[in-house]
PDB file of all heavy atoms in Angstrom:
ATOM      1  N   PHE A   1      23.539 106.302  83.867  1.00  0.00           N
ATOM      2  CA  PHE A   1      23.296 107.117  85.043  1.00  0.00           C
ATOM      3  C   PHE A   1      24.582 107.447  85.803  1.00  0.00           C
ATOM      4  O   PHE A   1      24.802 108.593  86.214  1.00  0.00           O
ATOM      5  CB  PHE A   1      22.306 106.403  85.970  1.00  0.00           C
ATOM      6  CG  PHE A   1      21.870 107.233  87.136  1.00  0.00           C
ATOM      7  CD1 PHE A   1      20.970 108.274  86.969  1.00  0.00           C
ATOM      8  CD2 PHE A   1      22.366 106.987  88.410  1.00  0.00           C
ATOM      9  CE1 PHE A   1      20.573 109.049  88.041  1.00  0.00           C
ATOM     10  CE2 PHE A   1      21.969 107.757  89.486  1.00  0.00           C
ATOM     11  CZ  PHE A   1      21.071 108.792  89.303  1.00  0.00           C
ATOM     12  N   ASP A   2      25.461 106.474  85.988  1.00  0.00           N
ATOM     13  CA  ASP A   2      26.706 106.739  86.718  1.00  0.00           C
ATOM     14  C   ASP A   2      27.574 107.748  85.983  1.00  0.00           C
ATOM     15  O   ASP A   2      28.181 108.624  86.606  1.00  0.00           O
ATOM     16  CB  ASP A   2      27.478 105.436  86.941  1.00  0.00           C
ATOM     17  CG  ASP A   2      26.848 104.565  88.024  1.00  0.00           C
ATOM     18  OD1 ASP A   2      25.959 105.072  88.751  1.00  0.00           O
ATOM     19  OD2 ASP A   2      27.236 103.389  88.141  1.00  0.00           O
ATOM     20  N   GLN A   3      27.652 107.620  84.656  1.00  0.00           N
ATOM     21  CA  GLN A   3      28.434 108.577  83.881  1.00  0.00           C
ATOM     22  C   GLN A   3      27.810 109.972  83.969  1.00  0.00           C
ATOM     23  O   GLN A   3      28.510 110.982  84.027  1.00  0.00           O
ATOM     24  CB  GLN A   3      28.540 108.136  82.425  1.00  0.00           C
ATOM     25  CG  GLN A   3      29.472 109.008  81.596  1.00  0.00           C
ATOM     26  CD  GLN A   3      29.701 108.451  80.206  1.00  0.00           C
ATOM     27  OE1 GLN A   3      29.553 107.251  79.972  1.00  0.00           O
ATOM     28  NE2 GLN A   3      30.076 109.313  79.283  1.00  0.00           N
ATOM     29  N   PHE A   4      26.473 110.027  83.983  1.00  0.00           N
ATOM     30  CA  PHE A   4      25.782 111.305  84.159  1.00  0.00           C
ATOM     31  C   PHE A   4      26.174 111.956  85.479  1.00  0.00           C
ATOM     32  O   PHE A   4      26.451 113.171  85.539  1.00  0.00           O
ATOM     33  CB  PHE A   4      24.267 111.087  84.104  1.00  0.00           C
ATOM     34  CG  PHE A   4      23.459 112.046  84.913  1.00  0.00           C
ATOM     35  CD1 PHE A   4      23.344 113.379  84.540  1.00  0.00           C
ATOM     36  CD2 PHE A   4      22.812 111.617  86.070  1.00  0.00           C
ATOM     37  CE1 PHE A   4      22.587 114.272  85.305  1.00  0.00           C
ATOM     38  CE2 PHE A   4      22.062 112.502  86.830  1.00  0.00           C
ATOM     39  CZ  PHE A   4      21.957 113.824  86.449  1.00  0.00           C
ATOM     40  N   LEU A   5      26.207 111.167  86.568  1.00  0.00           N
ATOM     41  CA  LEU A   5      26.572 111.728  87.867  1.00  0.00           C
ATOM     42  C   LEU A   5      27.992 112.282  87.846  1.00  0.00           C
ATOM     43  O   LEU A   5      28.253 113.371  88.386  1.00  0.00           O
ATOM     44  CB  LEU A   5      26.436 110.663  88.955  1.00  0.00           C
ATOM     45  CG  LEU A   5      25.020 110.214  89.321  1.00  0.00           C
ATOM     46  CD1 LEU A   5      25.071 109.146  90.408  1.00  0.00           C
ATOM     47  CD2 LEU A   5      24.184 111.390  89.780  1.00  0.00           C
ATOM     48  N   ARG A   6      28.916 111.542  87.218  1.00  0.00           N
ATOM     49  CA  ARG A   6      30.294 112.033  87.136  1.00  0.00           C
ATOM     50  C   ARG A   6      30.364 113.326  86.324  1.00  0.00           C
ATOM     51  O   ARG A   6      31.034 114.295  86.734  1.00  0.00           O
ATOM     52  CB  ARG A   6      31.195 110.960  86.510  1.00  0.00           C
ATOM     53  CG  ARG A   6      31.451 109.756  87.405  1.00  0.00           C
ATOM     54  CD  ARG A   6      32.573 108.887  86.860  1.00  0.00           C
ATOM     55  NE  ARG A   6      32.222 108.313  85.572  1.00  0.00           N
ATOM     56  CZ  ARG A   6      31.625 107.133  85.432  1.00  0.00           C
ATOM     57  NH1 ARG A   6      31.279 106.424  86.506  1.00  0.00           N
ATOM     58  NH2 ARG A   6      31.359 106.647  84.235  1.00  0.00           N
ATOM     59  N   SER A   7      29.692 113.339  85.183  1.00  0.00           N
ATOM     60  CA  SER A   7      29.715 114.530  84.325  1.00  0.00           C
ATOM     61  C   SER A   7      29.087 115.720  85.040  1.00  0.00           C
ATOM     62  O   SER A   7      29.583 116.854  84.938  1.00  0.00           O
ATOM     63  CB  SER A   7      28.958 114.256  83.018  1.00  0.00           C
ATOM     64  OG  SER A   7      29.557 113.216  82.287  1.00  0.00           O
ATOM     65  N   ARG A   8      28.025 115.480  85.786  1.00  0.00           N
ATOM     66  CA  ARG A   8      27.358 116.578  86.489  1.00  0.00           C
ATOM     67  C   ARG A   8      28.241 117.122  87.603  1.00  0.00           C
ATOM     68  O   ARG A   8      28.300 118.334  87.825  1.00  0.00           O
ATOM     69  CB  ARG A   8      26.022 116.087  87.041  1.00  0.00           C
ATOM     70  CG  ARG A   8      25.157 117.222  87.571  1.00  0.00           C
ATOM     71  CD  ARG A   8      23.803 116.707  88.012  1.00  0.00           C
ATOM     72  NE  ARG A   8      23.014 117.795  88.557  1.00  0.00           N
ATOM     73  CZ  ARG A   8      22.267 117.688  89.646  1.00  0.00           C
ATOM     74  NH1 ARG A   8      22.225 116.543  90.300  1.00  0.00           N
ATOM     75  NH2 ARG A   8      21.562 118.699  90.094  1.00  0.00           N
ATOM     76  N   ARG A   9      28.921 116.229  88.321  1.00  0.00           N
ATOM     77  CA  ARG A   9      29.833 116.698  89.371  1.00  0.00           C
ATOM     78  C   ARG A   9      30.957 117.539  88.776  1.00  0.00           C
ATOM     79  O   ARG A   9      31.328 118.584  89.327  1.00  0.00           O
ATOM     80  CB  ARG A   9      30.412 115.502  90.132  1.00  0.00           C
ATOM     81  CG  ARG A   9      29.471 114.910  91.167  1.00  0.00           C
ATOM     82  CD  ARG A   9      30.207 113.999  92.124  1.00  0.00           C
ATOM     83  NE  ARG A   9      30.774 112.852  91.439  1.00  0.00           N
ATOM     84  CZ  ARG A   9      30.161 111.681  91.325  1.00  0.00           C
ATOM     85  NH1 ARG A   9      28.955 111.514  91.842  1.00  0.00           N
ATOM     86  NH2 ARG A   9      30.740 110.675  90.705  1.00  0.00           N
ATOM     87  N   GLU A  10      31.521 117.069  87.649  1.00  0.00           N
ATOM     88  CA  GLU A  10      32.598 117.819  87.010  1.00  0.00           C
ATOM     89  C   GLU A  10      32.104 119.182  86.541  1.00  0.00           C
ATOM     90  O   GLU A  10      32.805 120.198  86.696  1.00  0.00           O
ATOM     91  CB  GLU A  10      33.165 117.019  85.833  1.00  0.00           C
ATOM     92  CG  GLU A  10      33.906 115.752  86.259  1.00  0.00           C
ATOM     93  CD  GLU A  10      34.199 114.837  85.086  1.00  0.00           C
ATOM     94  OE1 GLU A  10      33.807 115.182  83.941  1.00  0.00           O
ATOM     95  OE2 GLU A  10      34.804 113.771  85.307  1.00  0.00           O
ATOM     96  N   ALA A  11      30.892 119.214  85.967  1.00  0.00           N
ATOM     97  CA  ALA A  11      30.328 120.491  85.511  1.00  0.00           C
ATOM     98  C   ALA A  11      30.064 121.420  86.687  1.00  0.00           C
ATOM     99  O   ALA A  11      30.297 122.639  86.600  1.00  0.00           O
ATOM    100  CB  ALA A  11      29.034 120.239  84.735  1.00  0.00           C
ATOM    101  N   ALA A  12      29.592 120.852  87.805  1.00  0.00           N
ATOM    102  CA  ALA A  12      29.337 121.677  88.990  1.00  0.00           C
ATOM    103  C   ALA A  12      30.628 122.256  89.544  1.00  0.00           C
ATOM    104  O   ALA A  12      30.672 123.408  89.991  1.00  0.00           O
ATOM    105  CB  ALA A  12      28.628 120.840  90.054  1.00  0.00           C
ATOM    106  N   THR A  13      31.706 121.453  89.499  1.00  0.00           N
ATOM    107  CA  THR A  13      33.004 121.946  89.970  1.00  0.00           C
ATOM    108  C   THR A  13      33.493 123.093  89.097  1.00  0.00           C
ATOM    109  O   THR A  13      33.976 124.122  89.602  1.00  0.00           O
ATOM    110  CB  THR A  13      34.035 120.802  89.960  1.00  0.00           C
ATOM    111  OG1 THR A  13      33.576 119.759  90.827  1.00  0.00           O
ATOM    112  CG2 THR A  13      35.391 121.293  90.434  1.00  0.00           C
ATOM    113  N   ARG A  14      33.364 122.933  87.774  1.00  0.00           N
ATOM    114  CA  ARG A  14      33.785 124.013  86.868  1.00  0.00           C
ATOM    115  C   ARG A  14      32.928 125.257  87.085  1.00  0.00           C
ATOM    116  O   ARG A  14      33.438 126.384  87.087  1.00  0.00           O
ATOM    117  CB  ARG A  14      33.675 123.549  85.417  1.00  0.00           C
ATOM    118  CG  ARG A  14      34.682 122.490  85.023  1.00  0.00           C
ATOM    119  CD  ARG A  14      34.727 122.310  83.514  1.00  0.00           C
ATOM    120  NE  ARG A  14      33.441 121.879  82.989  1.00  0.00           N
ATOM    121  CZ  ARG A  14      33.094 120.605  82.841  1.00  0.00           C
ATOM    122  NH1 ARG A  14      33.928 119.642  83.196  1.00  0.00           N
ATOM    123  NH2 ARG A  14      31.909 120.286  82.328  1.00  0.00           N
ATOM    124  N   GLN A  15      31.631 125.054  87.274  1.00  0.00           N
ATOM    125  CA  GLN A  15      30.724 126.191  87.470  1.00  0.00           C
ATOM    126  C   GLN A  15      31.046 126.924  88.765  1.00  0.00           C
ATOM    127  O   GLN A  15      31.022 128.160  88.816  1.00  0.00           O
ATOM    128  CB  GLN A  15      29.279 125.696  87.487  1.00  0.00           C
ATOM    129  CG  GLN A  15      28.238 126.797  87.469  1.00  0.00           C
ATOM    130  CD  GLN A  15      28.042 127.405  86.096  1.00  0.00           C
ATOM    131  OE1 GLN A  15      28.777 127.092  85.163  1.00  0.00           O
ATOM    132  NE2 GLN A  15      27.067 128.286  85.978  1.00  0.00           N
ATOM    133  N   ALA A  16      31.344 126.159  89.809  1.00  0.00           N
ATOM    134  CA  ALA A  16      31.684 126.788  91.091  1.00  0.00           C
ATOM    135  C   ALA A  16      32.969 127.602  90.979  1.00  0.00           C
ATOM    136  O   ALA A  16      33.074 128.695  91.548  1.00  0.00           O
ATOM    137  CB  ALA A  16      31.820 125.713  92.169  1.00  0.00           C
ATOM    138  N   ALA A  17      33.944 127.064  90.255  1.00  0.00           N
ATOM    139  CA  ALA A  17      35.196 127.799  90.067  1.00  0.00           C
ATOM    140  C   ALA A  17      34.967 129.079  89.278  1.00  0.00           C
ATOM    141  O   ALA A  17      35.540 130.135  89.586  1.00  0.00           O
ATOM    142  CB  ALA A  17      36.215 126.913  89.364  1.00  0.00           C
ATOM    143  N   LEU A  18      34.126 128.988  88.246  1.00  0.00           N
ATOM    144  CA  LEU A  18      33.812 130.167  87.447  1.00  0.00           C
ATOM    145  C   LEU A  18      33.090 131.217  88.292  1.00  0.00           C
ATOM    146  O   LEU A  18      33.387 132.421  88.197  1.00  0.00           O
ATOM    147  CB  LEU A  18      32.942 129.756  86.259  1.00  0.00           C
ATOM    148  CG  LEU A  18      32.564 130.855  85.255  1.00  0.00           C
ATOM    149  CD1 LEU A  18      33.801 131.461  84.624  1.00  0.00           C
ATOM    150  CD2 LEU A  18      31.642 130.293  84.165  1.00  0.00           C
ATOM    151  N   ALA A  19      32.145 130.775  89.129  1.00  0.00           N
ATOM    152  CA  ALA A  19      31.425 131.710  89.995  1.00  0.00           C
ATOM    153  C   ALA A  19      32.367 132.375  90.985  1.00  0.00           C
ATOM    154  O   ALA A  19      32.255 133.580  91.262  1.00  0.00           O
ATOM    155  CB  ALA A  19      30.306 130.965  90.733  1.00  0.00           C
ATOM    156  N   GLN A  20      33.319 131.601  91.512  1.00  0.00           N
ATOM    157  CA  GLN A  20      34.270 132.172  92.463  1.00  0.00           C
ATOM    158  C   GLN A  20      35.157 133.212  91.796  1.00  0.00           C
ATOM    159  O   GLN A  20      35.421 134.279  92.371  1.00  0.00           O
ATOM    160  CB  GLN A  20      35.130 131.043  93.056  1.00  0.00           C
ATOM    161  CG  GLN A  20      36.126 131.499  94.113  1.00  0.00           C
ATOM    162  CD  GLN A  20      35.445 132.126  95.319  1.00  0.00           C
ATOM    163  OE1 GLN A  20      34.351 131.722  95.687  1.00  0.00           O
ATOM    164  NE2 GLN A  20      36.087 133.120  95.921  1.00  0.00           N
ATOM    165  N   ARG A  21      35.604 132.918  90.569  1.00  0.00           N
ATOM    166  CA  ARG A  21      36.423 133.891  89.854  1.00  0.00           C
ATOM    167  C   ARG A  21      35.637 135.169  89.586  1.00  0.00           C
ATOM    168  O   ARG A  21      36.177 136.276  89.666  1.00  0.00           O
ATOM    169  CB  ARG A  21      36.930 133.296  88.534  1.00  0.00           C
ATOM    170  CG  ARG A  21      38.048 132.285  88.700  1.00  0.00           C
ATOM    171  CD  ARG A  21      38.782 132.052  87.399  1.00  0.00           C
ATOM    172  NE  ARG A  21      37.915 131.530  86.349  1.00  0.00           N
ATOM    173  CZ  ARG A  21      37.693 130.230  86.153  1.00  0.00           C
ATOM    174  NH1 ARG A  21      38.271 129.335  86.974  1.00  0.00           N
ATOM    175  NH2 ARG A  21      36.909 129.820  85.194  1.00  0.00           N
ATOM    176  N   GLN A  22      34.353 135.013  89.261  1.00  0.00           N
ATOM    177  CA  GLN A  22      33.550 136.208  89.006  1.00  0.00           C
ATOM    178  C   GLN A  22      33.350 137.027  90.271  1.00  0.00           C
ATOM    179  O   GLN A  22      33.371 138.269  90.233  1.00  0.00           O
ATOM    180  CB  GLN A  22      32.191 135.828  88.412  1.00  0.00           C
ATOM    181  CG  GLN A  22      31.417 137.049  87.910  1.00  0.00           C
ATOM    182  CD  GLN A  22      29.988 136.737  87.554  1.00  0.00           C
ATOM    183  OE1 GLN A  22      29.195 136.422  88.423  1.00  0.00           O
ATOM    184  NE2 GLN A  22      29.674 136.822  86.263  1.00  0.00           N
ATOM    185  N   LEU A  23      33.162 136.352  91.399  1.00  0.00           N
ATOM    186  CA  LEU A  23      33.030 137.073  92.662  1.00  0.00           C
ATOM    187  C   LEU A  23      34.280 137.886  92.961  1.00  0.00           C
ATOM    188  O   LEU A  23      34.205 139.039  93.417  1.00  0.00           O
ATOM    189  CB  LEU A  23      32.756 136.091  93.802  1.00  0.00           C
ATOM    190  CG  LEU A  23      31.352 135.503  93.892  1.00  0.00           C
ATOM    191  CD1 LEU A  23      31.281 134.457  94.999  1.00  0.00           C
ATOM    192  CD2 LEU A  23      30.317 136.602  94.148  1.00  0.00           C
ATOM    193  N   GLN A  24      35.436 137.282  92.696  1.00  0.00           N
ATOM    194  CA  GLN A  24      36.691 137.999  92.908  1.00  0.00           C
ATOM    195  C   GLN A  24      36.813 139.191  91.968  1.00  0.00           C
ATOM    196  O   GLN A  24      37.261 140.274  92.358  1.00  0.00           O
ATOM    197  CB  GLN A  24      37.874 137.041  92.729  1.00  0.00           C
ATOM    198  CG  GLN A  24      37.941 135.951  93.791  1.00  0.00           C
ATOM    199  CD  GLN A  24      38.985 134.885  93.478  1.00  0.00           C
ATOM    200  OE1 GLN A  24      39.581 134.876  92.398  1.00  0.00           O
ATOM    201  NE2 GLN A  24      39.214 133.984  94.425  1.00  0.00           N
ATOM    202  N   GLN A  25      36.391 138.963  90.700  1.00  0.00           N
ATOM    203  CA  GLN A  25      36.423 140.054  89.726  1.00  0.00           C
ATOM    204  C   GLN A  25      35.493 141.188  90.140  1.00  0.00           C
ATOM    205  O   GLN A  25      35.857 142.369  90.065  1.00  0.00           O
ATOM    206  CB  GLN A  25      36.022 139.520  88.343  1.00  0.00           C
ATOM    207  CG  GLN A  25      36.044 140.562  87.234  1.00  0.00           C
ATOM    208  CD  GLN A  25      35.504 140.017  85.923  1.00  0.00           C
ATOM    209  OE1 GLN A  25      34.935 138.920  85.886  1.00  0.00           O
ATOM    210  NE2 GLN A  25      35.683 140.773  84.856  1.00  0.00           N
ATOM    211  N   ARG A  26      34.299 140.837  90.593  1.00  0.00           N
ATOM    212  CA  ARG A  26      33.352 141.855  91.056  1.00  0.00           C
ATOM    213  C   ARG A  26      33.920 142.644  92.237  1.00  0.00           C
ATOM    214  O   ARG A  26      33.794 143.877  92.298  1.00  0.00           O
ATOM    215  CB  ARG A  26      32.040 141.189  91.467  1.00  0.00           C
ATOM    216  CG  ARG A  26      31.117 140.826  90.323  1.00  0.00           C
ATOM    217  CD  ARG A  26      29.838 140.193  90.856  1.00  0.00           C
ATOM    218  NE  ARG A  26      28.866 140.011  89.796  1.00  0.00           N
ATOM    219  CZ  ARG A  26      28.027 140.948  89.361  1.00  0.00           C
ATOM    220  NH1 ARG A  26      28.060 142.153  89.922  1.00  0.00           N
ATOM    221  NH2 ARG A  26      27.178 140.719  88.393  1.00  0.00           N
ATOM    222  N   ALA A  27      34.502 141.892  93.193  1.00  0.00           N
ATOM    223  CA  ALA A  27      35.047 142.557  94.382  1.00  0.00           C
ATOM    224  C   ALA A  27      36.168 143.524  94.005  1.00  0.00           C
ATOM    225  O   ALA A  27      36.259 144.638  94.545  1.00  0.00           O
ATOM    226  CB  ALA A  27      35.552 141.506  95.370  1.00  0.00           C
ATOM    227  N   HIS A  28      37.016 143.109  93.065  1.00  0.00           N
ATOM    228  CA  HIS A  28      38.132 143.956  92.631  1.00  0.00           C
ATOM    229  C   HIS A  28      37.602 145.222  91.944  1.00  0.00           C
ATOM    230  O   HIS A  28      38.084 146.338  92.209  1.00  0.00           O
ATOM    231  CB  HIS A  28      39.038 143.169  91.690  1.00  0.00           C
ATOM    232  CG  HIS A  28      40.211 143.944  91.197  1.00  0.00           C
ATOM    233  ND1 HIS A  28      41.292 144.256  92.007  1.00  0.00           N
ATOM    234  CD2 HIS A  28      40.478 144.505  89.980  1.00  0.00           C
ATOM    235  CE1 HIS A  28      42.174 144.946  91.325  1.00  0.00           C
ATOM    236  NE2 HIS A  28      41.710 145.113  90.078  1.00  0.00           N
ATOM    237  N   MET A  29      36.596 145.047  91.071  1.00  0.00           N
ATOM    238  CA  MET A  29      36.037 146.196  90.365  1.00  0.00           C
ATOM    239  C   MET A  29      35.304 147.130  91.333  1.00  0.00           C
ATOM    240  O   MET A  29      35.401 148.360  91.230  1.00  0.00           O
ATOM    241  CB  MET A  29      35.086 145.713  89.266  1.00  0.00           C
ATOM    242  CG  MET A  29      35.778 144.951  88.141  1.00  0.00           C
ATOM    243  SD  MET A  29      34.630 144.140  86.999  1.00  0.00           S
ATOM    244  CE  MET A  29      33.915 145.556  86.179  1.00  0.00           C
ATOM    245  N   GLN A  30      34.556 146.529  92.288  1.00  0.00           N
ATOM    246  CA  GLN A  30      33.832 147.357  93.247  1.00  0.00           C
ATOM    247  C   GLN A  30      34.799 148.147  94.130  1.00  0.00           C
ATOM    248  O   GLN A  30      34.540 149.306  94.476  1.00  0.00           O
ATOM    249  CB  GLN A  30      32.932 146.480  94.109  1.00  0.00           C
ATOM    250  CG  GLN A  30      31.978 147.268  94.998  1.00  0.00           C
ATOM    251  CD  GLN A  30      30.981 148.078  94.206  1.00  0.00           C
ATOM    252  OE1 GLN A  30      30.323 147.550  93.310  1.00  0.00           O
ATOM    253  NE2 GLN A  30      30.880 149.374  94.514  1.00  0.00           N
ATOM    254  N   GLU A  31      35.905 147.503  94.490  1.00  0.00           N
ATOM    255  CA  GLU A  31      36.913 148.195  95.300  1.00  0.00           C
ATOM    256  C   GLU A  31      37.473 149.411  94.561  1.00  0.00           C
ATOM    257  O   GLU A  31      37.660 150.489  95.152  1.00  0.00           O
ATOM    258  CB  GLU A  31      38.045 147.226  95.654  1.00  0.00           C
ATOM    259  CG  GLU A  31      39.132 147.855  96.521  1.00  0.00           C
ATOM    260  CD  GLU A  31      40.282 146.901  96.775  1.00  0.00           C
ATOM    261  OE1 GLU A  31      40.246 145.772  96.230  1.00  0.00           O
ATOM    262  OE2 GLU A  31      41.217 147.284  97.499  1.00  0.00           O
ATOM    263  N   PHE A  32      37.735 149.249  93.268  1.00  0.00           N
ATOM    264  CA  PHE A  32      38.233 150.370  92.460  1.00  0.00           C
ATOM    265  C   PHE A  32      37.202 151.499  92.418  1.00  0.00           C
ATOM    266  O   PHE A  32      37.548 152.686  92.564  1.00  0.00           O
ATOM    267  CB  PHE A  32      38.558 149.883  91.050  1.00  0.00           C
ATOM    268  CG  PHE A  32      39.194 150.926  90.181  1.00  0.00           C
ATOM    269  CD1 PHE A  32      40.577 151.018  90.097  1.00  0.00           C
ATOM    270  CD2 PHE A  32      38.430 151.828  89.443  1.00  0.00           C
ATOM    271  CE1 PHE A  32      41.180 151.989  89.290  1.00  0.00           C
ATOM    272  CE2 PHE A  32      39.010 152.782  88.655  1.00  0.00           C
ATOM    273  CZ  PHE A  32      40.398 152.877  88.573  1.00  0.00           C
ATOM    274  N   VAL A  33      35.905 151.119  92.199  1.00  0.00           N
ATOM    275  CA  VAL A  33      34.851 152.130  92.130  1.00  0.00           C
ATOM    276  C   VAL A  33      34.745 152.885  93.458  1.00  0.00           C
ATOM    277  O   VAL A  33      34.671 154.125  93.486  1.00  0.00           O
ATOM    278  CB  VAL A  33      33.506 151.468  91.770  1.00  0.00           C
ATOM    279  CG1 VAL A  33      32.355 152.471  91.942  1.00  0.00           C
ATOM    280  CG2 VAL A  33      33.531 150.953  90.340  1.00  0.00           C
ATOM    281  N   ASP A  34      34.718 152.145  94.571  1.00  0.00           N
ATOM    282  CA  ASP A  34      34.576 152.781  95.878  1.00  0.00           C
ATOM    283  C   ASP A  34      35.749 153.707  96.184  1.00  0.00           C
ATOM    284  O   ASP A  34      35.578 154.755  96.838  1.00  0.00           O
ATOM    285  CB  ASP A  34      34.469 151.713  96.973  1.00  0.00           C
ATOM    286  CG  ASP A  34      33.194 150.890  96.861  1.00  0.00           C
ATOM    287  OD1 ASP A  34      32.252 151.350  96.179  1.00  0.00           O
ATOM    288  OD2 ASP A  34      33.145 149.780  97.432  1.00  0.00           O
ATOM    289  N   ARG A  35      36.913 153.354  95.665  1.00  0.00           N
ATOM    290  CA  ARG A  35      38.120 154.130  95.998  1.00  0.00           C
ATOM    291  C   ARG A  35      38.264 155.382  95.145  1.00  0.00           C
ATOM    292  O   ARG A  35      38.710 156.434  95.641  1.00  0.00           O
ATOM    293  CB  ARG A  35      39.345 153.230  95.847  1.00  0.00           C
ATOM    294  CG  ARG A  35      40.647 153.898  96.246  1.00  0.00           C
ATOM    295  CD  ARG A  35      41.783 152.919  96.139  1.00  0.00           C
ATOM    296  NE  ARG A  35      43.058 153.521  96.488  1.00  0.00           N
ATOM    297  CZ  ARG A  35      44.230 152.902  96.410  1.00  0.00           C
ATOM    298  NH1 ARG A  35      44.282 151.624  96.000  1.00  0.00           N
ATOM    299  NH2 ARG A  35      45.347 153.538  96.742  1.00  0.00           N
ATOM    300  N   PHE A  36      37.854 155.264  93.846  1.00  0.00           N
ATOM    301  CA  PHE A  36      38.206 156.354  92.936  1.00  0.00           C
ATOM    302  C   PHE A  36      37.011 157.062  92.287  1.00  0.00           C
ATOM    303  O   PHE A  36      37.213 157.950  91.468  1.00  0.00           O
ATOM    304  CB  PHE A  36      39.108 155.821  91.817  1.00  0.00           C
ATOM    305  CG  PHE A  36      40.436 155.314  92.298  1.00  0.00           C
ATOM    306  CD1 PHE A  36      40.743 153.963  92.213  1.00  0.00           C
ATOM    307  CD2 PHE A  36      41.369 156.186  92.836  1.00  0.00           C
ATOM    308  CE1 PHE A  36      41.973 153.493  92.647  1.00  0.00           C
ATOM    309  CE2 PHE A  36      42.603 155.721  93.268  1.00  0.00           C
ATOM    310  CZ  PHE A  36      42.910 154.367  93.185  1.00  0.00           C
ATOM    311  N   ARG A  37      35.784 156.725  92.623  1.00  0.00           N
ATOM    312  CA  ARG A  37      34.652 157.310  91.909  1.00  0.00           C
ATOM    313  C   ARG A  37      34.546 158.827  92.113  1.00  0.00           C
ATOM    314  O   ARG A  37      33.986 159.529  91.260  1.00  0.00           O
ATOM    315  CB  ARG A  37      33.338 156.643  92.328  1.00  0.00           C
ATOM    316  CG  ARG A  37      32.987 156.860  93.789  1.00  0.00           C
ATOM    317  CD  ARG A  37      31.771 156.033  94.199  1.00  0.00           C
ATOM    318  NE  ARG A  37      30.611 156.306  93.360  1.00  0.00           N
ATOM    319  CZ  ARG A  37      29.420 155.725  93.520  1.00  0.00           C
ATOM    320  NH1 ARG A  37      29.280 154.796  94.456  1.00  0.00           N
ATOM    321  NH2 ARG A  37      28.404 156.041  92.757  1.00  0.00           N
ATOM    322  N   TYR A  38      35.084 159.338  93.234  1.00  0.00           N
ATOM    323  CA  TYR A  38      35.011 160.786  93.478  1.00  0.00           C
ATOM    324  C   TYR A  38      36.350 161.482  93.253  1.00  0.00           C
ATOM    325  O   TYR A  38      36.483 162.671  93.566  1.00  0.00           O
ATOM    326  CB  TYR A  38      34.523 161.056  94.908  1.00  0.00           C
ATOM    327  CG  TYR A  38      33.144 160.484  95.164  1.00  0.00           C
ATOM    328  CD1 TYR A  38      32.958 159.445  96.066  1.00  0.00           C
ATOM    329  CD2 TYR A  38      32.041 160.971  94.478  1.00  0.00           C
ATOM    330  CE1 TYR A  38      31.688 158.915  96.283  1.00  0.00           C
ATOM    331  CE2 TYR A  38      30.769 160.441  94.681  1.00  0.00           C
ATOM    332  CZ  TYR A  38      30.611 159.414  95.585  1.00  0.00           C
ATOM    333  OH  TYR A  38      29.357 158.887  95.795  1.00  0.00           O
ATOM    334  N   LYS A  39      37.306 160.751  92.706  1.00  0.00           N
ATOM    335  CA  LYS A  39      38.610 161.354  92.399  1.00  0.00           C
ATOM    336  C   LYS A  39      38.620 161.740  90.930  1.00  0.00           C
ATOM    337  O   LYS A  39      38.413 160.900  90.051  1.00  0.00           O
ATOM    338  CB  LYS A  39      39.724 160.360  92.704  1.00  0.00           C
ATOM    339  CG  LYS A  39      41.115 160.980  92.623  1.00  0.00           C
ATOM    340  CD  LYS A  39      42.165 159.992  93.107  1.00  0.00           C
ATOM    341  CE  LYS A  39      43.552 160.631  93.078  1.00  0.00           C
ATOM    342  NZ  LYS A  39      44.600 159.699  93.559  1.00  0.00           N
TER     343      LYS A  39
END
């Protein structure tokens, strides 16, 4: 059980980092679309 808790925390940390990177990627792509979609 203790090893499970450690592994789950580590997986949650990796997942949170991945989600944050995706949010940044989405924001960057959306910014490009908003700026240039009518150019």
